[in-house]
PDB file of N, CA and C in Angstrom:
ATOM      1  N   MET A   1     105.355 113.189  95.685  1.00  0.00           N
ATOM      2  CA  MET A   1     106.291 112.284  95.025  1.00  0.00           C
ATOM      3  C   MET A   1     106.268 112.518  93.518  1.00  0.00           C
ATOM      4  N   ARG A   2     107.374 112.744  92.911  1.00  0.00           N
ATOM      5  CA  ARG A   2     107.504 112.963  91.464  1.00  0.00           C
ATOM      6  C   ARG A   2     108.026 111.726  90.778  1.00  0.00           C
ATOM      7  N   LEU A   3     107.219 111.032  90.049  1.00  0.00           N
ATOM      8  CA  LEU A   3     107.689 109.807  89.444  1.00  0.00           C
ATOM      9  C   LEU A   3     108.427 110.021  88.223  1.00  0.00           C
ATOM     10  N   HIS A   4     108.033 110.990  87.381  1.00  0.00           N
ATOM     11  CA  HIS A   4     108.676 111.334  86.176  1.00  0.00           C
ATOM     12  C   HIS A   4     108.120 112.697  85.706  1.00  0.00           C
ATOM     13  N   LYS A   5     108.913 113.412  85.065  1.00  0.00           N
ATOM     14  CA  LYS A   5     108.423 114.788  84.672  1.00  0.00           C
ATOM     15  C   LYS A   5     107.035 114.686  84.019  1.00  0.00           C
ATOM     16  N   GLY A   6     106.078 115.314  84.557  1.00  0.00           N
ATOM     17  CA  GLY A   6     104.747 115.327  84.013  1.00  0.00           C
ATOM     18  C   GLY A   6     103.863 114.150  84.498  1.00  0.00           C
ATOM     19  N   PHE A   7     104.378 113.256  85.231  1.00  0.00           N
ATOM     20  CA  PHE A   7     103.557 112.121  85.687  1.00  0.00           C
ATOM     21  C   PHE A   7     103.352 112.083  87.210  1.00  0.00           C
ATOM     22  N   SER A   8     103.520 113.121  87.871  1.00  0.00           N
ATOM     23  CA  SER A   8     103.431 113.149  89.331  1.00  0.00           C
ATOM     24  C   SER A   8     101.969 112.896  89.727  1.00  0.00           C
ATOM     25  N   PHE A   9     100.986 112.996  88.856  1.00  0.00           N
ATOM     26  CA  PHE A   9      99.637 112.756  89.170  1.00  0.00           C
ATOM     27  C   PHE A   9      99.221 111.306  89.374  1.00  0.00           C
ATOM     28  N   LEU A  10     100.109 110.422  89.012  1.00  0.00           N
ATOM     29  CA  LEU A  10      99.754 108.977  88.973  1.00  0.00           C
ATOM     30  C   LEU A  10      99.379 108.441  90.349  1.00  0.00           C
ATOM     31  N   ASN A  11      99.925 109.046  91.419  1.00  0.00           N
ATOM     32  CA  ASN A  11      99.620 108.469  92.745  1.00  0.00           C
ATOM     33  C   ASN A  11      98.592 109.340  93.517  1.00  0.00           C
ATOM     34  N   LYS A  12      97.936 110.212  92.849  1.00  0.00           N
ATOM     35  CA  LYS A  12      96.922 111.119  93.502  1.00  0.00           C
ATOM     36  C   LYS A  12      95.514 110.523  93.165  1.00  0.00           C
ATOM     37  N   LYS A  13      94.924 109.854  94.131  1.00  0.00           N
ATOM     38  CA  LYS A  13      93.620 109.262  93.893  1.00  0.00           C
ATOM     39  C   LYS A  13      92.491 110.246  93.953  1.00  0.00           C
ATOM     40  N   ASP A  14      92.675 111.431  94.442  1.00  0.00           N
ATOM     41  CA  ASP A  14      91.576 112.311  94.596  1.00  0.00           C
ATOM     42  C   ASP A  14      91.362 113.226  93.383  1.00  0.00           C
ATOM     43  N   GLN A  15      92.170 113.118  92.338  1.00  0.00           N
ATOM     44  CA  GLN A  15      91.983 113.879  91.192  1.00  0.00           C
ATOM     45  C   GLN A  15      90.909 113.205  90.298  1.00  0.00           C
ATOM     46  N   ASN A  16      90.399 113.965  89.309  1.00  0.00           N
ATOM     47  CA  ASN A  16      89.510 113.496  88.315  1.00  0.00           C
ATOM     48  C   ASN A  16      90.215 112.424  87.404  1.00  0.00           C
ATOM     49  N   SER A  17      89.805 111.207  87.383  1.00  0.00           N
ATOM     50  CA  SER A  17      90.565 110.180  86.636  1.00  0.00           C
ATOM     51  C   SER A  17      90.517 110.377  85.110  1.00  0.00           C
ATOM     52  N   ASP A  18      89.418 110.927  84.575  1.00  0.00           N
ATOM     53  CA  ASP A  18      89.400 111.201  83.177  1.00  0.00           C
ATOM     54  C   ASP A  18      90.478 112.185  82.748  1.00  0.00           C
ATOM     55  N   MET A  19      90.668 113.200  83.582  1.00  0.00           N
ATOM     56  CA  MET A  19      91.674 114.198  83.303  1.00  0.00           C
ATOM     57  C   MET A  19      93.097 113.611  83.407  1.00  0.00           C
ATOM     58  N   ASP A  20      93.277 112.750  84.350  1.00  0.00           N
ATOM     59  CA  ASP A  20      94.514 112.027  84.545  1.00  0.00           C
ATOM     60  C   ASP A  20      94.836 111.203  83.289  1.00  0.00           C
ATOM     61  N   ILE A  21      93.832 110.442  82.830  1.00  0.00           N
ATOM     62  CA  ILE A  21      94.083 109.630  81.667  1.00  0.00           C
ATOM     63  C   ILE A  21      94.427 110.465  80.469  1.00  0.00           C
ATOM     64  N   ASP A  22      93.699 111.561  80.196  1.00  0.00           N
ATOM     65  CA  ASP A  22      93.957 112.422  79.087  1.00  0.00           C
ATOM     66  C   ASP A  22      95.389 112.968  79.198  1.00  0.00           C
ATOM     67  N   GLU A  23      95.725 113.378  80.370  1.00  0.00           N
ATOM     68  CA  GLU A  23      97.103 113.989  80.611  1.00  0.00           C
ATOM     69  C   GLU A  23      98.160 112.893  80.338  1.00  0.00           C
ATOM     70  N   LEU A  24      97.965 111.680  80.824  1.00  0.00           N
ATOM     71  CA  LEU A  24      98.912 110.661  80.654  1.00  0.00           C
ATOM     72  C   LEU A  24      99.089 110.324  79.166  1.00  0.00           C
ATOM     73  N   ILE A  25      97.941 110.111  78.500  1.00  0.00           N
ATOM     74  CA  ILE A  25      98.022 109.835  77.060  1.00  0.00           C
ATOM     75  C   ILE A  25      98.693 110.937  76.236  1.00  0.00           C
ATOM     76  N   SER A  26      98.392 112.172  76.614  1.00  0.00           N
ATOM     77  CA  SER A  26      99.076 113.267  75.897  1.00  0.00           C
ATOM     78  C   SER A  26     100.533 113.376  76.175  1.00  0.00           C
ATOM     79  N   ASN A  27     100.939 112.929  77.354  1.00  0.00           N
ATOM     80  CA  ASN A  27     102.400 112.949  77.693  1.00  0.00           C
ATOM     81  C   ASN A  27     103.147 111.813  76.891  1.00  0.00           C
ATOM     82  N   PHE A  28     102.427 110.697  76.688  1.00  0.00           N
ATOM     83  CA  PHE A  28     103.023 109.556  76.003  1.00  0.00           C
ATOM     84  C   PHE A  28     102.885 109.669  74.448  1.00  0.00           C
ATOM     85  N   GLN A  29     102.011 110.549  73.985  1.00  0.00           N
ATOM     86  CA  GLN A  29     101.730 110.634  72.577  1.00  0.00           C
ATOM     87  C   GLN A  29     102.947 110.780  71.663  1.00  0.00           C
ATOM     88  N   PRO A  30     103.956 111.660  72.018  1.00  0.00           N
ATOM     89  CA  PRO A  30     105.173 111.756  71.167  1.00  0.00           C
ATOM     90  C   PRO A  30     105.900 110.454  70.980  1.00  0.00           C
ATOM     91  N   LYS A  31     106.007 109.715  72.111  1.00  0.00           N
ATOM     92  CA  LYS A  31     106.680 108.396  72.088  1.00  0.00           C
ATOM     93  C   LYS A  31     105.888 107.385  71.278  1.00  0.00           C
ATOM     94  N   ILE A  32     104.596 107.383  71.427  1.00  0.00           N
ATOM     95  CA  ILE A  32     103.769 106.478  70.708  1.00  0.00           C
ATOM     96  C   ILE A  32     103.879 106.702  69.235  1.00  0.00           C
ATOM     97  N   LYS A  33     103.736 107.994  68.843  1.00  0.00           N
ATOM     98  CA  LYS A  33     103.907 108.311  67.373  1.00  0.00           C
ATOM     99  C   LYS A  33     105.261 107.945  66.795  1.00  0.00           C
ATOM    100  N   ALA A  34     106.293 108.198  67.620  1.00  0.00           N
ATOM    101  CA  ALA A  34     107.660 107.887  67.173  1.00  0.00           C
ATOM    102  C   ALA A  34     107.783 106.362  66.993  1.00  0.00           C
ATOM    103  N   SER A  35     107.246 105.560  67.857  1.00  0.00           N
ATOM    104  CA  SER A  35     107.381 104.106  67.793  1.00  0.00           C
ATOM    105  C   SER A  35     106.521 103.603  66.633  1.00  0.00           C
ATOM    106  N   LEU A  36     105.465 104.204  66.326  1.00  0.00           N
ATOM    107  CA  LEU A  36     104.572 103.759  65.245  1.00  0.00           C
ATOM    108  C   LEU A  36     105.154 104.011  63.849  1.00  0.00           C
ATOM    109  N   ARG A  37     106.141 104.835  63.746  1.00  0.00           N
ATOM    110  CA  ARG A  37     106.786 105.069  62.434  1.00  0.00           C
ATOM    111  C   ARG A  37     107.417 103.804  61.933  1.00  0.00           C
ATOM    112  N   HIS A  38     107.738 102.903  62.796  1.00  0.00           N
ATOM    113  CA  HIS A  38     108.411 101.611  62.430  1.00  0.00           C
ATOM    114  C   HIS A  38     107.417 100.591  62.033  1.00  0.00           C
ATOM    115  N   THR A  39     106.119 100.880  62.018  1.00  0.00           N
ATOM    116  CA  THR A  39     105.107  99.871  61.596  1.00  0.00           C
ATOM    117  C   THR A  39     104.493 100.206  60.272  1.00  0.00           C
ATOM    118  N   ALA A  40     103.883  99.278  59.680  1.00  0.00           N
ATOM    119  CA  ALA A  40     103.154  99.511  58.378  1.00  0.00           C
ATOM    120  C   ALA A  40     102.053 100.571  58.586  1.00  0.00           C
ATOM    121  N   SER A  41     101.879 101.428  57.614  1.00  0.00           N
ATOM    122  CA  SER A  41     101.006 102.557  57.682  1.00  0.00           C
ATOM    123  C   SER A  41      99.556 102.105  57.953  1.00  0.00           C
ATOM    124  N   GLN A  42      99.146 100.980  57.347  1.00  0.00           N
ATOM    125  CA  GLN A  42      97.804 100.478  57.528  1.00  0.00           C
ATOM    126  C   GLN A  42      97.512  99.883  58.895  1.00  0.00           C
ATOM    127  N   GLU A  43      98.563  99.624  59.701  1.00  0.00           N
ATOM    128  CA  GLU A  43      98.414  99.062  61.052  1.00  0.00           C
ATOM    129  C   GLU A  43      98.567 100.139  62.101  1.00  0.00           C
ATOM    130  N   ARG A  44      98.962 101.326  61.805  1.00  0.00           N
ATOM    131  CA  ARG A  44      99.293 102.291  62.833  1.00  0.00           C
ATOM    132  C   ARG A  44      98.056 102.713  63.689  1.00  0.00           C
ATOM    133  N   GLU A  45      96.967 102.997  63.094  1.00  0.00           N
ATOM    134  CA  GLU A  45      95.796 103.454  63.874  1.00  0.00           C
ATOM    135  C   GLU A  45      95.327 102.381  64.877  1.00  0.00           C
ATOM    136  N   ASP A  46      95.293 101.148  64.479  1.00  0.00           N
ATOM    137  CA  ASP A  46      94.883 100.035  65.329  1.00  0.00           C
ATOM    138  C   ASP A  46      95.902  99.848  66.463  1.00  0.00           C
ATOM    139  N   LEU A  47      97.186  99.920  66.101  1.00  0.00           N
ATOM    140  CA  LEU A  47      98.202  99.676  67.113  1.00  0.00           C
ATOM    141  C   LEU A  47      98.248 100.846  68.127  1.00  0.00           C
ATOM    142  N   GLU A  48      97.970 102.084  67.625  1.00  0.00           N
ATOM    143  CA  GLU A  48      97.876 103.192  68.510  1.00  0.00           C
ATOM    144  C   GLU A  48      96.795 103.049  69.569  1.00  0.00           C
ATOM    145  N   GLN A  49      95.651 102.538  69.088  1.00  0.00           N
ATOM    146  CA  GLN A  49      94.526 102.280  70.012  1.00  0.00           C
ATOM    147  C   GLN A  49      94.893 101.221  71.029  1.00  0.00           C
ATOM    148  N   GLU A  50      95.550 100.160  70.588  1.00  0.00           N
ATOM    149  CA  GLU A  50      95.937  99.112  71.500  1.00  0.00           C
ATOM    150  C   GLU A  50      96.942  99.587  72.564  1.00  0.00           C
ATOM    151  N   ILE A  51      97.927 100.395  72.103  1.00  0.00           N
ATOM    152  CA  ILE A  51      98.839 101.007  73.033  1.00  0.00           C
ATOM    153  C   ILE A  51      98.205 101.858  74.022  1.00  0.00           C
ATOM    154  N   THR A  52      97.306 102.696  73.606  1.00  0.00           N
ATOM    155  CA  THR A  52      96.479 103.563  74.452  1.00  0.00           C
ATOM    156  C   THR A  52      95.717 102.723  75.513  1.00  0.00           C
ATOM    157  N   ILE A  53      95.111 101.702  75.064  1.00  0.00           N
ATOM    158  CA  ILE A  53      94.323 100.809  76.016  1.00  0.00           C
ATOM    159  C   ILE A  53      95.287 100.200  77.075  1.00  0.00           C
ATOM    160  N   LYS A  54      96.468  99.752  76.623  1.00  0.00           N
ATOM    161  CA  LYS A  54      97.413  99.151  77.620  1.00  0.00           C
ATOM    162  C   LYS A  54      97.863 100.221  78.594  1.00  0.00           C
ATOM    163  N   ILE A  55      98.101 101.470  78.139  1.00  0.00           N
ATOM    164  CA  ILE A  55      98.531 102.532  79.051  1.00  0.00           C
ATOM    165  C   ILE A  55      97.478 102.786  80.115  1.00  0.00           C
ATOM    166  N   ILE A  56      96.291 102.855  79.624  1.00  0.00           N
ATOM    167  CA  ILE A  56      95.093 103.036  80.571  1.00  0.00           C
ATOM    168  C   ILE A  56      94.990 101.927  81.622  1.00  0.00           C
ATOM    169  N   GLU A  57      95.129 100.702  81.147  1.00  0.00           N
ATOM    170  CA  GLU A  57      95.106  99.572  82.046  1.00  0.00           C
ATOM    171  C   GLU A  57      96.235  99.631  83.060  1.00  0.00           C
ATOM    172  N   LYS A  58      97.381  99.903  82.667  1.00  0.00           N
ATOM    173  CA  LYS A  58      98.539  99.954  83.583  1.00  0.00           C
ATOM    174  C   LYS A  58      98.389 101.145  84.513  1.00  0.00           C
ATOM    175  N   MET A  59      97.849 102.249  84.066  1.00  0.00           N
ATOM    176  CA  MET A  59      97.678 103.358  84.969  1.00  0.00           C
ATOM    177  C   MET A  59      96.709 103.052  86.095  1.00  0.00           C
ATOM    178  N   GLU A  60      95.603 102.283  85.759  1.00  0.00           N
ATOM    179  CA  GLU A  60      94.708 101.851  86.784  1.00  0.00           C
ATOM    180  C   GLU A  60      95.382 100.923  87.782  1.00  0.00           C
ATOM    181  N   THR A  61      96.263 100.047  87.321  1.00  0.00           N
ATOM    182  CA  THR A  61      96.965  99.189  88.202  1.00  0.00           C
ATOM    183  C   THR A  61      97.842  99.928  89.116  1.00  0.00           C
ATOM    184  N   ILE A  62      98.578 100.918  88.584  1.00  0.00           N
ATOM    185  CA  ILE A  62      99.489 101.706  89.408  1.00  0.00           C
ATOM    186  C   ILE A  62      98.727 102.547  90.461  1.00  0.00           C
ATOM    187  N   GLN A  63      97.640 103.107  90.086  1.00  0.00           N
ATOM    188  CA  GLN A  63      96.863 103.914  91.050  1.00  0.00           C
ATOM    189  C   GLN A  63      96.305 103.016  92.156  1.00  0.00           C
ATOM    190  N   ASN A  64      96.039 101.758  91.952  1.00  0.00           N
ATOM    191  CA  ASN A  64      95.518 100.881  92.987  1.00  0.00           C
ATOM    192  C   ASN A  64      96.528 100.203  93.849  1.00  0.00           C
ATOM    193  N   LEU A  65      97.798 100.461  93.576  1.00  0.00           N
ATOM    194  CA  LEU A  65      98.861  99.873  94.380  1.00  0.00           C
ATOM    195  C   LEU A  65      98.950 100.536  95.763  1.00  0.00           C
ATOM    196  N   GLU A  66      99.142  99.757  96.761  1.00  0.00           N
ATOM    197  CA  GLU A  66      99.322 100.237  98.129  1.00  0.00           C
ATOM    198  C   GLU A  66     100.722  99.912  98.595  1.00  0.00           C
ATOM    199  N   ALA A  67     101.613 100.861  98.374  1.00  0.00           N
ATOM    200  CA  ALA A  67     102.999 100.641  98.840  1.00  0.00           C
ATOM    201  C   ALA A  67     103.158 101.116 100.273  1.00  0.00           C
ATOM    202  N   PRO A  68     103.974 100.330 101.033  1.00  0.00           N
ATOM    203  CA  PRO A  68     104.223 100.761 102.401  1.00  0.00           C
ATOM    204  C   PRO A  68     105.100 102.053 102.533  1.00  0.00           C
ATOM    205  N   GLY A  69     104.885 102.840 103.526  1.00  0.00           N
ATOM    206  CA  GLY A  69     105.776 103.956 103.777  1.00  0.00           C
ATOM    207  C   GLY A  69     107.135 103.478 104.213  1.00  0.00           C
ATOM    208  N   PHE A  70     108.068 104.365 104.312  1.00  0.00           N
ATOM    209  CA  PHE A  70     109.395 104.063 104.650  1.00  0.00           C
ATOM    210  C   PHE A  70     109.504 103.326 105.997  1.00  0.00           C
ATOM    211  N   TRP A  71     108.820 103.946 107.009  1.00  0.00           N
ATOM    212  CA  TRP A  71     108.875 103.400 108.404  1.00  0.00           C
ATOM    213  C   TRP A  71     108.170 102.060 108.497  1.00  0.00           C
ATOM    214  N   ASP A  72     107.078 101.847 107.778  1.00  0.00           N
ATOM    215  CA  ASP A  72     106.476 100.522 107.725  1.00  0.00           C
ATOM    216  C   ASP A  72     107.297  99.534 107.090  1.00  0.00           C
ATOM    217  N   PHE A  73     107.964  99.857 106.016  1.00  0.00           N
ATOM    218  CA  PHE A  73     108.909  98.951 105.363  1.00  0.00           C
ATOM    219  C   PHE A  73     110.086  98.558 106.237  1.00  0.00           C
ATOM    220  N   LEU A  74     110.617  99.600 106.991  1.00  0.00           N
ATOM    221  CA  LEU A  74     111.734  99.305 107.826  1.00  0.00           C
ATOM    222  C   LEU A  74     111.344  98.413 108.977  1.00  0.00           C
ATOM    223  N   GLU A  75     110.107  98.635 109.527  1.00  0.00           N
ATOM    224  CA  GLU A  75     109.600  97.829 110.645  1.00  0.00           C
ATOM    225  C   GLU A  75     109.407  96.381 110.163  1.00  0.00           C
ATOM    226  N   LYS A  76     108.939  96.175 108.968  1.00  0.00           N
ATOM    227  CA  LYS A  76     108.789  94.831 108.385  1.00  0.00           C
ATOM    228  C   LYS A  76     110.073  94.139 108.251  1.00  0.00           C
ATOM    229  N   ILE A  77     111.112  94.824 107.829  1.00  0.00           N
ATOM    230  CA  ILE A  77     112.440  94.220 107.627  1.00  0.00           C
ATOM    231  C   ILE A  77     113.003  93.863 108.979  1.00  0.00           C
ATOM    232  N   GLN A  78     112.828  94.720 109.966  1.00  0.00           N
ATOM    233  CA  GLN A  78     113.364  94.382 111.272  1.00  0.00           C
ATOM    234  C   GLN A  78     112.611  93.223 111.925  1.00  0.00           C
ATOM    235  N   ASN A  79     111.297  93.131 111.685  1.00  0.00           N
ATOM    236  CA  ASN A  79     110.522  92.024 112.164  1.00  0.00           C
ATOM    237  C   ASN A  79     110.978  90.673 111.569  1.00  0.00           C
ATOM    238  N   GLN A  80     111.352  90.719 110.235  1.00  0.00           N
ATOM    239  CA  GLN A  80     111.773  89.570 109.573  1.00  0.00           C
ATOM    240  C   GLN A  80     113.159  89.129 110.118  1.00  0.00           C
ATOM    241  N   LYS A  81     114.042  90.071 110.379  1.00  0.00           N
ATOM    242  CA  LYS A  81     115.359  89.772 110.926  1.00  0.00           C
ATOM    243  C   LYS A  81     115.245  89.143 112.329  1.00  0.00           C
ATOM    244  N   SER A  82     114.370  89.739 113.169  1.00  0.00           N
ATOM    245  CA  SER A  82     114.232  89.214 114.511  1.00  0.00           C
ATOM    246  C   SER A  82     113.532  87.841 114.512  1.00  0.00           C
ATOM    247  N   GLY A  83     112.720  87.566 113.561  1.00  0.00           N
ATOM    248  CA  GLY A  83     112.046  86.223 113.430  1.00  0.00           C
ATOM    249  C   GLY A  83     113.109  85.195 113.066  1.00  0.00           C
ATOM    250  N   ARG A  84     114.130  85.506 112.251  1.00  0.00           N
ATOM    251  CA  ARG A  84     115.183  84.599 111.830  1.00  0.00           C
ATOM    252  C   ARG A  84     116.043  84.259 113.043  1.00  0.00           C
ATOM    253  N   LYS A  85     116.371  85.237 113.925  1.00  0.00           N
ATOM    254  CA  LYS A  85     117.227  84.968 114.976  1.00  0.00           C
ATOM    255  C   LYS A  85     116.594  83.938 115.992  1.00  0.00           C
ATOM    256  N   GLY A  86     115.331  83.918 116.090  1.00  0.00           N
ATOM    257  CA  GLY A  86     114.679  83.037 117.031  1.00  0.00           C
ATOM    258  C   GLY A  86     114.546  81.587 116.525  1.00  0.00           C
ATOM    259  N   GLU A  87     114.947  81.369 115.288  1.00  0.00           N
ATOM    260  CA  GLU A  87     114.760  80.019 114.704  1.00  0.00           C
ATOM    261  C   GLU A  87     115.928  79.158 115.108  1.00  0.00           C
TER     262      GLU A  87
END
């Protein structure tokens, strides 16, 4: 599954997580730098660190998500519909 160009590794739990984090941060680095141009120069370094921490936190959240497969999702929807008919 390809989530975004360069971010296909987000759902692969068997890879080295340190490498994943480094790759993720390097992919976001141009956007982070561009966004920081709009802040005061004395605040940029701290803000860059905070943004990096948030990206790492969100990556861990995404990696731990358990999304149902298509057929599981379809079965759940069908069960919900059949449950309503019996009411």
